[in-house]
Amino acid sequence: MLLDYLKLASNSLTKRKTRTYLTMIGIFIGIATVVSLIGLGEGLRTAISGQFGFLGPDVLSVQASGLNFAGPPGTAVVTPLTDKLVDKVARISGVEAAFNRYLESGTFEFNDRQSIGMAYSVPEGQDRKTFERMLNLEVEQGRALKDGDRGKVVVGADFAEKEMFGRAMRVGDAFSFQGHDFDVVGILKKKGSFIFDGSVAINEGELKDLFRQGDETVNLIAVKVGDVKNVETVKENLETLLRKERGVDKGEEDFEVSSPQQTLDTLNSTLFAVQLFVYIIASISIVVGGIGILNTMYTAVLERTKEIGIMKAVGAKNSMIFILFFIESGLLGLLGGVVGVLLGLGLAYGLAFLGGIFLGSELIQAQVSLGLIFGALLFSFSLGLFAGIFPAMKAARKNPVDALRFIK
């Protein structure tokens, strides 16, 4: 019986192709907007989460406030952090370890090609293993850095891909960074983070000798908390210490103490606000589409009045007439949803592909879940059913005698 209803409904929509397409416009524009923009938003969320996912919830980062987009963290600030502060941070109750982080941006040269990137310091001595464990640094090829290594580096996974320099870098290769030559002794496992995949690790002593002579500033301080339950307490104590050391009052801080989770929470809040705005804009289009379905089905009832009279004359019940028009309306909404989902998928992945090419960033990506697709289809189908209730009731209540007398 249900298949018969679906067949009759689809035949009715097929006979009015132009009107059907025009009715679906509002639906599929709204659905396409939701699917594409939310897909891009989820892709951005996943990409950025990957940048911090390798850090545990027990890691805190301390840096001076400034124009972080102007270079590595801690640059372009009025009052940078100093290298002597780390000892005081390490003595805070609950802190397992604290490390100065030195970052240097510059030009890599390899295989007659150049690329802009960043080098970061790795502490030496007993702190090395703790630092590598805290940042989850694992070598896939070659070996890790050792105390006493000079002119040697461990590179991120992106260096082992030919897209970066036209040829994949291998263990034993040599390249230059800011005019200084280095040999590759190891390649890290891919982490999905451009921060590490596109950077090189240099022993702290050598990095300071080459690029930081006479400079007592640090880019940031990495803090490992002994017990994850004490993260908030340690964070508060850190902020108290920094306010005292930098001579600032509460609410006037010129520094930031943050955790990966805090960064992700901020991102999620921002994306939620953007997605809420998208929902509001798309809902306008979808409501217009629902009104279009209501108008189309109401017109269809008028045009098929005599047909309704014939069906009732041969024994069709009011419930059968109602179900027929009700399903036809839902099918109209579902078709609009299908078109909208396909268009949204094309827009999401198409824009992500173009964004990746023109911006050269892995952050521009799309991620459309099956839940979003099925949710969009269910919503569009439900909207069609809802818009068809009144026309279907009107069709079911028609008097068969009056319907048969109806003249178009």
Protein backbone atom coordinates (compact mmCIF):
# COMPACT_ATOMS: atom_id res chain seq x y z
CA MET A 1 0.00 0.00 0.00
CA LEU A 2 2.78 2.43 0.92
CA LEU A 3 4.55 1.73 -2.36
CA ASP A 4 1.34 2.58 -4.20
CA TYR A 5 1.13 5.90 -2.37
CA LEU A 6 4.76 6.67 -3.20
CA LYS A 7 4.23 5.78 -6.86
CA LEU A 8 1.14 7.99 -7.14
CA ALA A 9 2.94 10.87 -5.37
CA SER A 10 6.04 10.63 -7.56
CA ASN A 11 3.94 10.48 -10.74
CA SER A 12 2.09 13.62 -9.62
CA LEU A 13 5.38 15.49 -9.01
CA THR A 14 6.80 14.30 -12.34
CA LYS A 15 3.81 15.72 -14.24
CA ARG A 16 4.55 19.16 -12.76
CA LYS A 17 8.36 19.20 -13.16
CA THR A 18 8.82 22.95 -13.49
CA ARG A 19 6.66 23.76 -10.47
CA THR A 20 8.36 20.99 -8.48
CA TYR A 21 11.85 22.37 -9.20
CA LEU A 22 10.83 25.92 -8.38
CA THR A 23 9.23 24.78 -5.12
CA MET A 24 12.40 22.97 -4.05
CA ILE A 25 14.66 26.01 -4.53
CA GLY A 26 14.09 27.43 -1.07
CA ILE A 27 14.59 24.02 0.54
CA PHE A 28 17.82 23.05 -1.17
CA ILE A 29 19.39 26.49 -0.84
CA GLY A 30 18.86 26.38 2.92
CA ILE A 31 20.02 22.76 3.27
CA ALA A 32 23.06 23.42 1.04
CA THR A 33 24.01 26.41 3.19
CA VAL A 34 23.77 24.41 6.40
CA VAL A 35 25.66 21.38 5.06
CA SER A 36 28.47 23.32 3.38
CA LEU A 37 29.20 25.85 6.11
CA ILE A 38 28.83 23.43 9.00
CA GLY A 39 30.99 20.93 7.09
CA LEU A 40 33.70 23.56 6.68
CA GLY A 41 33.33 24.57 10.34
CA GLU A 42 33.72 20.97 11.53
CA GLY A 43 36.71 20.54 9.23
CA LEU A 44 38.31 23.63 10.76
CA ARG A 45 37.52 22.37 14.27
CA THR A 46 39.11 18.98 13.52
CA ALA A 47 42.17 20.53 11.89
CA ILE A 48 42.85 22.92 14.76
CA SER A 49 42.16 20.22 17.35
CA GLY A 50 44.85 18.17 15.62
CA GLN A 51 47.32 20.98 16.19
CA PHE A 52 46.94 20.58 19.96
CA GLY A 53 45.74 17.01 20.29
CA PHE A 54 49.24 15.65 20.88
CA LEU A 55 49.51 17.73 24.07
CA GLY A 56 48.02 16.31 27.22
CA PRO A 57 45.58 18.16 29.51
CA ASP A 58 48.39 18.47 32.08
CA VAL A 59 50.47 20.86 29.93
CA LEU A 60 50.36 24.65 30.34
CA SER A 61 51.91 27.28 28.11
CA VAL A 62 53.14 30.66 29.36
CA GLN A 63 53.85 33.50 26.95
CA ALA A 64 53.86 37.27 26.85
CA SER A 65 50.83 38.91 25.26
CA GLY A 66 51.44 40.39 21.83
CA LEU A 67 50.82 40.13 18.10
CA ASN A 68 51.05 36.37 17.80
CA PHE A 69 50.30 36.53 14.07
CA ALA A 70 53.47 38.56 13.52
CA GLY A 71 55.74 35.55 14.05
CA PRO A 72 56.44 32.77 16.56
CA PRO A 73 54.69 33.02 19.96
CA GLY A 74 56.20 35.65 22.23
CA THR A 75 57.39 37.91 19.39
CA ALA A 76 56.27 41.48 18.77
CA VAL A 77 55.62 42.04 22.48
CA VAL A 78 56.53 45.02 24.63
CA THR A 79 57.73 43.00 27.63
CA PRO A 80 58.93 39.51 26.62
CA LEU A 81 59.55 36.66 29.02
CA THR A 82 63.12 36.19 30.29
CA ASP A 83 65.08 32.96 30.58
CA LYS A 84 65.56 33.35 34.35
CA LEU A 85 61.83 33.08 35.05
CA VAL A 86 61.69 29.35 34.36
CA ASP A 87 63.47 28.46 37.63
CA LYS A 88 60.81 30.27 39.68
CA VAL A 89 58.05 28.60 37.67
CA ALA A 90 59.58 25.17 38.29
CA ARG A 91 59.44 25.75 42.07
CA ILE A 92 55.66 26.29 42.10
CA SER A 93 53.85 23.54 43.99
CA GLY A 94 52.38 20.97 41.62
CA VAL A 95 54.76 21.71 38.72
CA GLU A 96 56.64 18.59 37.60
CA ALA A 97 58.87 20.34 35.06
CA ALA A 98 59.22 23.67 33.26
CA PHE A 99 61.18 24.43 30.08
CA ASN A 100 62.17 27.52 28.19
CA ARG A 101 61.06 27.29 24.57
CA TYR A 102 63.14 29.11 21.96
CA LEU A 103 61.65 29.46 18.50
CA GLU A 104 63.35 30.84 15.41
CA SER A 105 61.60 31.48 12.11
CA GLY A 106 63.52 31.72 8.86
CA THR A 107 64.29 30.27 5.43
CA PHE A 108 65.13 26.64 4.72
CA GLU A 109 67.14 25.81 1.58
CA PHE A 110 67.23 22.30 0.15
CA ASN A 111 67.34 20.83 -3.35
CA ASP A 112 67.74 24.34 -4.79
CA ARG A 113 64.41 25.37 -3.31
CA GLN A 114 63.43 27.56 -0.40
CA SER A 115 60.67 27.36 2.20
CA ILE A 116 59.75 29.49 5.20
CA GLY A 117 59.54 27.58 8.45
CA MET A 118 60.51 27.42 12.09
CA ALA A 119 63.13 25.79 14.31
CA TYR A 120 62.49 25.02 17.97
CA SER A 121 64.83 24.20 20.80
CA VAL A 122 65.14 20.88 22.62
CA PRO A 123 66.58 21.04 26.16
CA GLU A 124 69.67 19.00 26.94
CA GLY A 125 70.63 16.81 29.87
CA GLN A 126 68.04 15.17 32.12
CA ASP A 127 65.28 17.45 30.83
CA ARG A 128 65.47 16.04 27.30
CA LYS A 129 63.45 12.87 27.91
CA THR A 130 60.81 14.70 29.93
CA PHE A 131 60.46 17.31 27.17
CA GLU A 132 60.15 14.67 24.43
CA ARG A 133 57.58 12.74 26.47
CA MET A 134 55.59 15.89 27.25
CA LEU A 135 55.34 16.83 23.57
CA ASN A 136 55.02 13.19 22.47
CA LEU A 137 57.95 13.49 20.06
CA GLU A 138 58.60 10.12 18.39
CA VAL A 139 61.23 9.45 15.73
CA GLU A 140 60.10 7.40 12.74
CA GLN A 141 63.40 7.32 10.83
CA GLY A 142 66.94 7.73 12.12
CA ARG A 143 67.46 8.80 15.74
CA ALA A 144 66.60 11.54 18.20
CA LEU A 145 68.99 14.34 19.10
CA LYS A 146 71.64 13.62 21.72
CA ASP A 147 73.62 15.83 24.06
CA GLY A 148 76.65 17.21 22.25
CA ASP A 149 75.06 17.11 18.78
CA ARG A 150 76.11 20.15 16.77
CA GLY A 151 75.07 20.87 13.22
CA LYS A 152 72.47 18.12 13.49
CA VAL A 153 68.68 18.33 13.55
CA VAL A 154 65.54 16.22 13.65
CA VAL A 155 62.95 17.33 11.10
CA GLY A 156 59.15 17.09 11.03
CA ALA A 157 57.24 14.66 8.82
CA ASP A 158 56.48 17.30 6.16
CA PHE A 159 60.17 17.43 5.24
CA ALA A 160 59.98 13.78 4.18
CA GLU A 161 57.37 14.64 1.55
CA LYS A 162 58.49 15.78 -1.89
CA GLU A 163 55.91 18.56 -2.09
CA MET A 164 57.95 20.75 0.26
CA PHE A 165 61.20 20.89 -1.70
CA GLY A 166 60.47 18.85 -4.83
CA ARG A 167 62.26 15.88 -3.26
CA ALA A 168 61.67 14.04 -0.01
CA MET A 169 64.30 14.75 2.62
CA ARG A 170 66.00 11.66 4.06
CA VAL A 171 68.22 10.87 7.02
CA GLY A 172 71.74 11.93 6.13
CA ASP A 173 70.68 14.83 3.87
CA ALA A 174 72.06 18.31 4.48
CA PHE A 175 70.23 21.63 4.22
CA SER A 176 70.66 25.19 5.40
CA PHE A 177 68.57 27.29 7.74
CA GLN A 178 69.20 31.01 7.94
CA GLY A 179 72.59 30.50 6.30
CA HIS A 180 73.73 27.72 8.68
CA ASP A 181 74.23 24.12 7.49
CA PHE A 182 72.67 21.16 9.27
CA ASP A 183 72.60 17.39 8.81
CA VAL A 184 69.37 15.42 9.24
CA VAL A 185 69.77 12.64 11.83
CA GLY A 186 66.08 11.84 12.34
CA ILE A 187 62.55 12.35 11.00
CA LEU A 188 59.60 12.58 13.40
CA LYS A 189 56.36 10.63 13.06
CA LYS A 190 53.57 12.66 11.52
CA LYS A 191 51.50 14.38 14.18
CA GLY A 192 48.90 16.15 12.02
CA SER A 193 50.18 19.47 13.34
CA PHE A 194 51.83 22.01 11.08
CA ILE A 195 53.53 23.37 14.23
CA PHE A 196 55.73 20.26 14.46
CA ASP A 197 55.36 18.56 11.07
CA GLY A 198 56.78 21.63 9.33
CA SER A 199 59.48 22.51 11.89
CA VAL A 200 62.94 21.26 12.87
CA ALA A 201 64.33 20.46 16.33
CA ILE A 202 67.76 21.84 17.32
CA ASN A 203 69.59 21.37 20.58
CA GLU A 204 68.91 24.36 22.83
CA GLY A 205 72.57 25.28 23.31
CA GLU A 206 73.28 25.41 19.59
CA LEU A 207 70.11 27.36 18.77
CA LYS A 208 71.00 30.00 21.38
CA ASP A 209 74.62 30.18 20.17
CA LEU A 210 73.61 30.66 16.56
CA PHE A 211 70.56 32.90 16.88
CA ARG A 212 70.26 34.23 20.45
CA GLN A 213 73.68 35.48 21.54
CA GLY A 214 73.21 38.23 24.14
CA ASP A 215 69.42 37.73 24.05
CA GLU A 216 67.91 36.68 27.40
CA THR A 217 64.31 36.50 26.18
CA VAL A 218 62.32 33.34 25.54
CA ASN A 219 59.31 32.78 23.32
CA LEU A 220 57.34 30.80 25.86
CA ILE A 221 57.63 28.51 28.86
CA ALA A 222 56.19 24.98 28.74
CA VAL A 223 54.93 23.69 32.08
CA LYS A 224 54.22 20.05 32.92
CA VAL A 225 51.77 19.65 35.83
CA GLY A 226 52.33 16.61 38.03
CA ASP A 227 48.65 15.79 38.55
CA VAL A 228 46.02 16.77 35.98
CA LYS A 229 43.58 17.42 38.85
CA ASN A 230 45.76 20.32 39.98
CA VAL A 231 45.94 22.10 36.60
CA GLU A 232 43.62 24.95 37.59
CA THR A 233 45.39 25.48 40.93
CA VAL A 234 48.81 25.51 39.25
CA LYS A 235 47.48 27.90 36.61
CA GLU A 236 46.27 30.32 39.29
CA ASN A 237 49.61 30.14 41.13
CA LEU A 238 51.43 30.73 37.86
CA GLU A 239 49.38 33.84 37.16
CA THR A 240 50.03 35.12 40.69
CA LEU A 241 53.79 34.64 40.25
CA LEU A 242 53.82 36.31 36.84
CA ARG A 243 51.82 39.30 38.05
CA LYS A 244 54.35 39.77 40.85
CA GLU A 245 57.40 39.32 38.61
CA ARG A 246 56.08 41.60 35.86
CA GLY A 247 54.59 44.22 38.20
CA VAL A 248 51.03 44.15 36.89
CA ASP A 249 47.69 44.03 38.67
CA LYS A 250 44.96 41.48 38.20
CA GLY A 251 42.97 42.27 35.07
CA GLU A 252 45.94 44.11 33.51
CA GLU A 253 48.04 41.05 32.66
CA ASP A 254 50.54 41.34 29.82
CA PHE A 255 50.93 37.55 29.64
CA GLU A 256 48.87 34.46 28.95
CA VAL A 257 48.74 31.12 30.74
CA SER A 258 46.80 28.68 28.62
CA SER A 259 46.22 25.00 28.06
CA PRO A 260 45.36 23.11 24.85
CA GLN A 261 41.88 22.43 26.23
CA GLN A 262 41.32 26.12 26.92
CA THR A 263 42.31 26.94 23.35
CA LEU A 264 39.93 24.31 21.99
CA ASP A 265 37.10 25.55 24.22
CA THR A 266 37.59 29.06 22.87
CA LEU A 267 37.56 27.70 19.32
CA ASN A 268 34.38 25.72 19.98
CA SER A 269 32.65 28.80 21.39
CA THR A 270 33.60 30.86 18.34
CA LEU A 271 32.50 28.17 15.89
CA PHE A 272 29.21 27.73 17.76
CA ALA A 273 28.49 31.45 17.39
CA VAL A 274 29.28 31.29 13.67
CA GLN A 275 27.18 28.16 13.19
CA LEU A 276 24.28 29.71 15.10
CA PHE A 277 24.37 32.64 12.69
CA VAL A 278 24.42 30.17 9.78
CA TYR A 279 21.38 28.36 11.22
CA ILE A 280 19.47 31.64 11.46
CA ILE A 281 20.26 32.66 7.87
CA ALA A 282 19.56 29.19 6.49
CA SER A 283 16.32 28.87 8.44
CA ILE A 284 14.93 31.90 6.60
CA SER A 285 15.51 30.17 3.28
CA ILE A 286 14.08 26.91 4.60
CA VAL A 287 10.94 28.62 5.93
CA VAL A 288 10.46 30.22 2.53
CA GLY A 289 10.83 26.76 1.02
CA GLY A 290 8.22 25.41 3.41
CA ILE A 291 5.80 28.15 2.39
CA GLY A 292 6.51 27.24 -1.22
CA ILE A 293 5.56 23.62 -0.56
CA LEU A 294 2.39 24.74 1.21
CA ASN A 295 1.44 26.93 -1.76
CA THR A 296 2.26 24.22 -4.30
CA MET A 297 0.25 21.56 -2.49
CA TYR A 298 -2.68 23.90 -1.95
CA THR A 299 -2.70 24.66 -5.69
CA ALA A 300 -2.41 20.92 -6.46
CA VAL A 301 -5.52 20.24 -4.37
CA LEU A 302 -7.48 22.82 -6.37
CA GLU A 303 -6.22 21.47 -9.71
CA ARG A 304 -7.03 17.89 -8.78
CA THR A 305 -10.45 18.49 -7.23
CA LYS A 306 -12.22 16.42 -9.88
CA GLU A 307 -9.61 13.66 -9.47
CA ILE A 308 -10.34 13.63 -5.73
CA GLY A 309 -14.06 13.35 -6.44
CA ILE A 310 -13.48 10.35 -8.72
CA MET A 311 -11.29 8.60 -6.12
CA LYS A 312 -13.97 9.12 -3.47
CA ALA A 313 -16.69 7.95 -5.85
CA VAL A 314 -14.94 4.60 -6.34
CA GLY A 315 -14.52 4.09 -2.60
CA ALA A 316 -11.43 6.02 -1.47
CA LYS A 317 -11.68 7.05 2.19
CA ASN A 318 -10.80 10.46 3.58
CA SER A 319 -7.75 8.93 5.28
CA MET A 320 -6.47 7.58 1.95
CA ILE A 321 -6.81 10.98 0.30
CA PHE A 322 -5.05 12.64 3.23
CA ILE A 323 -2.17 10.15 3.19
CA LEU A 324 -1.70 10.56 -0.57
CA PHE A 325 -1.29 14.34 -0.44
CA PHE A 326 0.61 14.14 2.86
CA ILE A 327 3.22 11.77 1.38
CA GLU A 328 3.45 13.84 -1.80
CA SER A 329 4.27 16.90 0.27
CA GLY A 330 6.88 15.03 2.31
CA LEU A 331 8.44 13.64 -0.85
CA LEU A 332 8.70 17.15 -2.24
CA GLY A 333 10.60 18.25 0.88
CA LEU A 334 12.83 15.16 0.76
CA LEU A 335 13.77 15.76 -2.87
CA GLY A 336 14.71 19.32 -1.99
CA GLY A 337 16.82 17.98 0.86
CA VAL A 338 18.63 15.49 -1.40
CA VAL A 339 19.49 18.22 -3.90
CA GLY A 340 20.55 20.50 -1.05
CA VAL A 341 22.81 17.86 0.52
CA LEU A 342 24.51 17.10 -2.81
CA LEU A 343 25.00 20.80 -3.51
CA GLY A 344 26.26 21.37 0.05
CA LEU A 345 28.77 18.52 -0.24
CA GLY A 346 30.04 19.91 -3.52
CA LEU A 347 30.40 23.40 -2.06
CA ALA A 348 32.07 22.22 1.16
CA TYR A 349 34.71 20.00 -0.41
CA GLY A 350 35.12 22.26 -3.42
CA LEU A 351 35.79 25.34 -1.29
CA ALA A 352 38.11 23.33 0.97
CA PHE A 353 40.06 22.13 -2.08
CA LEU A 354 40.36 25.63 -3.54
CA GLY A 355 41.24 27.07 -0.13
CA GLY A 356 44.00 24.53 0.31
CA ILE A 357 45.44 25.39 -3.12
CA PHE A 358 45.29 29.18 -2.92
CA LEU A 359 46.04 29.57 0.80
CA GLY A 360 48.39 26.63 1.11
CA SER A 361 46.98 25.69 4.50
CA GLU A 362 45.84 22.29 5.78
CA LEU A 363 43.44 24.08 8.13
CA ILE A 364 41.03 24.66 5.24
CA GLN A 365 39.25 21.34 5.03
CA ALA A 366 35.72 19.97 5.10
CA GLN A 367 34.24 17.26 7.26
CA VAL A 368 30.62 16.34 6.67
CA SER A 369 29.37 13.56 8.95
CA LEU A 370 26.68 11.04 8.12
CA GLY A 371 24.73 12.42 11.07
CA LEU A 372 24.63 15.86 9.45
CA ILE A 373 23.51 14.38 6.12
CA PHE A 374 20.76 12.22 7.61
CA GLY A 375 19.71 15.06 9.91
CA ALA A 376 19.37 17.44 6.95
CA LEU A 377 17.34 14.89 4.98
CA LEU A 378 15.10 14.11 7.95
CA PHE A 379 14.53 17.80 8.60
CA SER A 380 13.65 18.57 4.98
CA PHE A 381 11.29 15.56 4.84
CA SER A 382 9.64 16.60 8.11
CA LEU A 383 9.28 20.17 6.84
CA GLY A 384 7.56 18.86 3.72
CA LEU A 385 5.18 16.75 5.80
CA PHE A 386 4.38 19.68 8.08
CA ALA A 387 3.72 22.02 5.15
CA GLY A 388 1.42 19.42 3.59
CA ILE A 389 -0.88 18.89 6.58
CA PHE A 390 -3.33 21.69 5.76
CA PRO A 391 -3.61 20.98 1.99
CA ALA A 392 -3.98 17.24 2.69
CA MET A 393 -6.76 17.91 5.22
CA LYS A 394 -8.50 20.16 2.71
CA ALA A 395 -8.31 17.48 0.04
CA ALA A 396 -9.61 14.77 2.40
CA ARG A 397 -12.62 16.87 3.47
CA LYS A 398 -13.89 17.62 -0.02
CA ASN A 399 -17.45 16.53 -0.74
CA PRO A 400 -17.31 13.95 -3.59
CA VAL A 401 -20.42 15.34 -5.32
CA ASP A 402 -19.10 18.92 -5.30
CA ALA A 403 -15.67 17.69 -6.38
CA LEU A 404 -17.12 15.86 -9.41
CA ARG A 405 -19.03 19.03 -10.42
CA PHE A 406 -15.80 21.11 -10.21
CA ILE A 407 -14.95 22.76 -13.53
CA LYS A 408 -11.37 24.02 -14.08
